[in-house]
N, C-alpha and C. Protein backbone atom coordinates (compact mmCIF):
# COMPACT_ATOMS: atom_id res chain seq x y z
N UNK A 1 98.07 -10.85 -15.61
CA UNK A 1 96.66 -10.91 -15.27
C UNK A 1 95.83 -10.16 -16.31
N UNK A 2 96.44 -9.74 -17.42
CA UNK A 2 95.73 -8.99 -18.43
C UNK A 2 94.73 -9.83 -19.20
N UNK A 3 95.00 -11.10 -19.40
CA UNK A 3 94.07 -11.94 -20.15
C UNK A 3 93.39 -12.93 -19.21
N UNK A 4 92.29 -13.46 -19.66
CA UNK A 4 91.54 -14.41 -18.85
C UNK A 4 91.99 -15.83 -19.17
N UNK A 5 92.25 -16.60 -18.15
CA UNK A 5 92.66 -17.99 -18.35
C UNK A 5 91.43 -18.87 -18.57
N UNK A 6 91.67 -20.11 -18.85
CA UNK A 6 90.58 -21.06 -19.09
C UNK A 6 89.72 -21.20 -17.84
N UNK A 7 90.32 -21.11 -16.65
CA UNK A 7 89.57 -21.25 -15.41
C UNK A 7 88.61 -20.07 -15.21
N UNK A 8 89.00 -18.89 -15.65
CA UNK A 8 88.11 -17.73 -15.58
C UNK A 8 86.87 -17.96 -16.46
N UNK A 9 87.12 -18.44 -17.68
CA UNK A 9 86.01 -18.68 -18.61
C UNK A 9 85.08 -19.77 -18.09
N UNK A 10 85.63 -20.83 -17.51
CA UNK A 10 84.81 -21.90 -16.95
C UNK A 10 83.94 -21.36 -15.82
N UNK A 11 84.52 -20.51 -14.97
CA UNK A 11 83.76 -19.93 -13.87
C UNK A 11 82.65 -19.01 -14.39
N UNK A 12 82.95 -18.21 -15.39
CA UNK A 12 81.93 -17.30 -15.97
C UNK A 12 80.79 -18.11 -16.58
N UNK A 13 81.11 -19.15 -17.33
CA UNK A 13 80.08 -19.98 -17.95
C UNK A 13 79.24 -20.68 -16.90
N UNK A 14 79.87 -21.16 -15.83
CA UNK A 14 79.13 -21.82 -14.75
C UNK A 14 78.16 -20.86 -14.07
N UNK A 15 78.60 -19.63 -13.82
CA UNK A 15 77.72 -18.63 -13.18
C UNK A 15 76.56 -18.29 -14.10
N UNK A 16 76.82 -18.12 -15.38
CA UNK A 16 75.74 -17.81 -16.33
C UNK A 16 74.73 -18.95 -16.38
N UNK A 17 75.20 -20.19 -16.42
CA UNK A 17 74.29 -21.33 -16.44
C UNK A 17 73.48 -21.43 -15.15
N UNK A 18 74.10 -21.11 -14.02
CA UNK A 18 73.36 -21.15 -12.76
C UNK A 18 72.30 -20.07 -12.69
N UNK A 19 72.62 -18.89 -13.19
CA UNK A 19 71.67 -17.78 -13.13
C UNK A 19 70.50 -17.96 -14.10
N UNK A 20 70.82 -18.32 -15.33
CA UNK A 20 69.78 -18.36 -16.36
C UNK A 20 69.24 -19.76 -16.61
N UNK A 21 69.99 -20.77 -16.31
CA UNK A 21 69.53 -22.13 -16.56
C UNK A 21 69.68 -22.50 -18.02
N UNK A 22 69.77 -23.79 -18.26
CA UNK A 22 69.98 -24.27 -19.62
C UNK A 22 68.76 -24.01 -20.49
N UNK A 23 67.57 -24.17 -19.94
CA UNK A 23 66.35 -24.00 -20.72
C UNK A 23 66.13 -22.57 -21.17
N UNK A 24 66.42 -21.62 -20.29
CA UNK A 24 66.21 -20.21 -20.64
C UNK A 24 67.13 -19.76 -21.75
N UNK A 25 68.38 -20.25 -21.72
CA UNK A 25 69.33 -19.85 -22.76
C UNK A 25 68.91 -20.42 -24.11
N UNK A 26 68.48 -21.69 -24.13
CA UNK A 26 68.05 -22.27 -25.40
C UNK A 26 66.77 -21.60 -25.91
N UNK A 27 65.86 -21.24 -25.01
CA UNK A 27 64.65 -20.51 -25.42
C UNK A 27 65.01 -19.14 -26.00
N UNK A 28 65.97 -18.49 -25.37
CA UNK A 28 66.40 -17.18 -25.83
C UNK A 28 67.02 -17.28 -27.22
N UNK A 29 67.84 -18.29 -27.44
CA UNK A 29 68.46 -18.46 -28.75
C UNK A 29 67.42 -18.81 -29.81
N UNK A 30 66.39 -19.58 -29.43
CA UNK A 30 65.31 -19.89 -30.37
C UNK A 30 64.53 -18.64 -30.75
N UNK A 31 64.30 -17.75 -29.77
CA UNK A 31 63.61 -16.49 -30.06
C UNK A 31 64.43 -15.60 -30.97
N UNK A 32 65.74 -15.59 -30.76
CA UNK A 32 66.62 -14.80 -31.62
C UNK A 32 66.57 -15.34 -33.05
N UNK A 33 66.58 -16.65 -33.20
CA UNK A 33 66.53 -17.26 -34.53
C UNK A 33 65.21 -16.93 -35.23
N UNK A 34 64.10 -16.97 -34.49
CA UNK A 34 62.81 -16.62 -35.09
C UNK A 34 62.78 -15.16 -35.51
N UNK A 35 63.38 -14.30 -34.72
CA UNK A 35 63.44 -12.88 -35.08
C UNK A 35 64.24 -12.65 -36.34
N UNK A 36 65.35 -13.37 -36.48
CA UNK A 36 66.17 -13.23 -37.68
C UNK A 36 65.41 -13.73 -38.91
N UNK A 37 64.69 -14.84 -38.76
CA UNK A 37 63.90 -15.38 -39.89
C UNK A 37 62.80 -14.40 -40.29
N UNK A 38 62.13 -13.79 -39.30
CA UNK A 38 61.08 -12.82 -39.60
C UNK A 38 61.66 -11.60 -40.29
N UNK A 39 62.83 -11.17 -39.86
CA UNK A 39 63.47 -10.01 -40.49
C UNK A 39 63.82 -10.31 -41.94
N UNK A 40 64.39 -11.49 -42.20
CA UNK A 40 64.75 -11.86 -43.58
C UNK A 40 63.51 -11.94 -44.46
N UNK A 41 62.41 -12.51 -43.91
CA UNK A 41 61.17 -12.61 -44.68
C UNK A 41 60.63 -11.22 -44.99
N UNK A 42 60.71 -10.32 -44.04
CA UNK A 42 60.26 -8.95 -44.28
C UNK A 42 61.09 -8.24 -45.33
N UNK A 43 62.39 -8.51 -45.34
CA UNK A 43 63.26 -7.89 -46.35
C UNK A 43 62.95 -8.45 -47.73
N UNK A 44 62.62 -9.74 -47.83
CA UNK A 44 62.28 -10.33 -49.12
C UNK A 44 60.95 -9.79 -49.62
N UNK A 45 59.99 -9.53 -48.72
CA UNK A 45 58.70 -8.99 -49.11
C UNK A 45 58.86 -7.58 -49.67
N UNK A 46 59.81 -6.81 -49.15
CA UNK A 46 60.03 -5.46 -49.64
C UNK A 46 60.62 -5.46 -51.05
N UNK A 47 61.39 -6.49 -51.37
CA UNK A 47 62.03 -6.55 -52.68
C UNK A 47 61.07 -6.92 -53.79
N UNK A 48 59.98 -7.62 -53.46
CA UNK A 48 59.03 -8.06 -54.48
C UNK A 48 58.20 -6.86 -54.96
N UNK A 49 57.99 -6.75 -56.28
CA UNK A 49 57.15 -5.66 -56.78
C UNK A 49 55.69 -5.91 -56.43
N UNK A 50 54.96 -4.86 -56.25
CA UNK A 50 53.54 -4.97 -55.91
C UNK A 50 52.76 -5.46 -57.12
N UNK A 51 51.82 -6.39 -56.89
CA UNK A 51 51.00 -6.91 -57.98
C UNK A 51 49.98 -5.88 -58.43
N UNK A 52 49.46 -5.11 -57.48
CA UNK A 52 48.43 -4.13 -57.78
C UNK A 52 49.08 -2.79 -58.11
N UNK A 53 48.73 -2.19 -59.25
CA UNK A 53 49.34 -0.89 -59.57
C UNK A 53 48.90 0.17 -58.56
N UNK A 54 49.79 1.05 -58.27
CA UNK A 54 49.52 2.11 -57.29
C UNK A 54 48.59 3.14 -57.90
N UNK A 55 47.76 3.74 -57.06
CA UNK A 55 46.86 4.79 -57.52
C UNK A 55 47.66 6.05 -57.80
N UNK A 56 47.24 6.83 -58.78
CA UNK A 56 47.98 8.07 -59.04
C UNK A 56 47.86 9.02 -57.84
N UNK A 57 48.90 9.78 -57.63
CA UNK A 57 48.91 10.70 -56.50
C UNK A 57 47.89 11.81 -56.73
N UNK A 58 47.18 12.15 -55.67
CA UNK A 58 46.19 13.22 -55.76
C UNK A 58 46.89 14.54 -55.53
N UNK A 59 46.49 15.54 -56.29
CA UNK A 59 47.11 16.86 -56.14
C UNK A 59 46.04 17.89 -55.83
N UNK A 60 46.46 18.97 -55.26
CA UNK A 60 45.56 20.07 -54.91
C UNK A 60 45.65 21.11 -56.03
N UNK A 61 44.50 21.54 -56.48
CA UNK A 61 44.46 22.56 -57.53
C UNK A 61 44.82 23.91 -56.93
N UNK A 62 45.88 24.53 -57.41
CA UNK A 62 46.29 25.82 -56.90
C UNK A 62 45.58 26.97 -57.60
N UNK A 63 45.02 26.71 -58.76
CA UNK A 63 44.36 27.75 -59.54
C UNK A 63 42.86 27.76 -59.33
N UNK A 64 42.37 27.18 -58.27
CA UNK A 64 40.93 27.13 -58.02
C UNK A 64 40.42 28.53 -57.69
N UNK A 65 39.18 28.80 -58.08
CA UNK A 65 38.59 30.11 -57.83
C UNK A 65 38.37 30.28 -56.34
N UNK A 66 38.68 31.46 -55.78
CA UNK A 66 38.48 31.68 -54.34
C UNK A 66 36.99 31.69 -54.01
N UNK A 67 36.66 31.21 -52.85
CA UNK A 67 35.27 31.19 -52.42
C UNK A 67 34.88 32.57 -51.91
N UNK A 68 33.59 32.81 -51.86
CA UNK A 68 33.09 34.11 -51.40
C UNK A 68 33.44 34.29 -49.93
N UNK A 69 33.85 35.50 -49.59
CA UNK A 69 34.23 35.79 -48.20
C UNK A 69 32.99 35.82 -47.31
N UNK A 70 33.13 35.32 -46.12
CA UNK A 70 32.00 35.32 -45.19
C UNK A 70 31.90 36.69 -44.53
N UNK A 71 30.70 37.17 -44.42
CA UNK A 71 30.51 38.50 -43.84
C UNK A 71 30.36 38.44 -42.33
N UNK A 72 30.08 37.28 -41.75
CA UNK A 72 29.85 37.21 -40.32
C UNK A 72 31.12 36.93 -39.53
N UNK A 73 32.25 36.77 -40.20
CA UNK A 73 33.50 36.50 -39.50
C UNK A 73 33.98 37.78 -38.85
N UNK A 74 34.27 37.71 -37.61
CA UNK A 74 34.80 38.86 -36.89
C UNK A 74 33.75 39.81 -36.37
N UNK A 75 32.50 39.63 -36.73
CA UNK A 75 31.46 40.52 -36.22
C UNK A 75 30.90 39.93 -34.94
N UNK A 76 30.50 40.80 -34.04
CA UNK A 76 29.93 40.36 -32.78
C UNK A 76 28.41 40.47 -32.85
N UNK A 77 27.75 39.37 -32.53
CA UNK A 77 26.29 39.39 -32.54
C UNK A 77 25.82 39.98 -31.21
N UNK A 78 24.85 40.88 -31.30
CA UNK A 78 24.34 41.52 -30.08
C UNK A 78 22.99 41.00 -29.74
């Protein structure tokens, strides 16, 4: 009884068809196929080089002069 006989497989397939119906299974397989096509198209788009050159990266100047300290920070107005 360790392996499934042909009658077990026929019963399993019949139950699956009764539960989901023939139309739902074919719709599901069509959706899976569309997903695979979209994934492949996305992978091909990533491989293509960009036509527009990228802008140079902006950097922050570390040697900028410090701004004047505010005198009103920390003081309480009365």
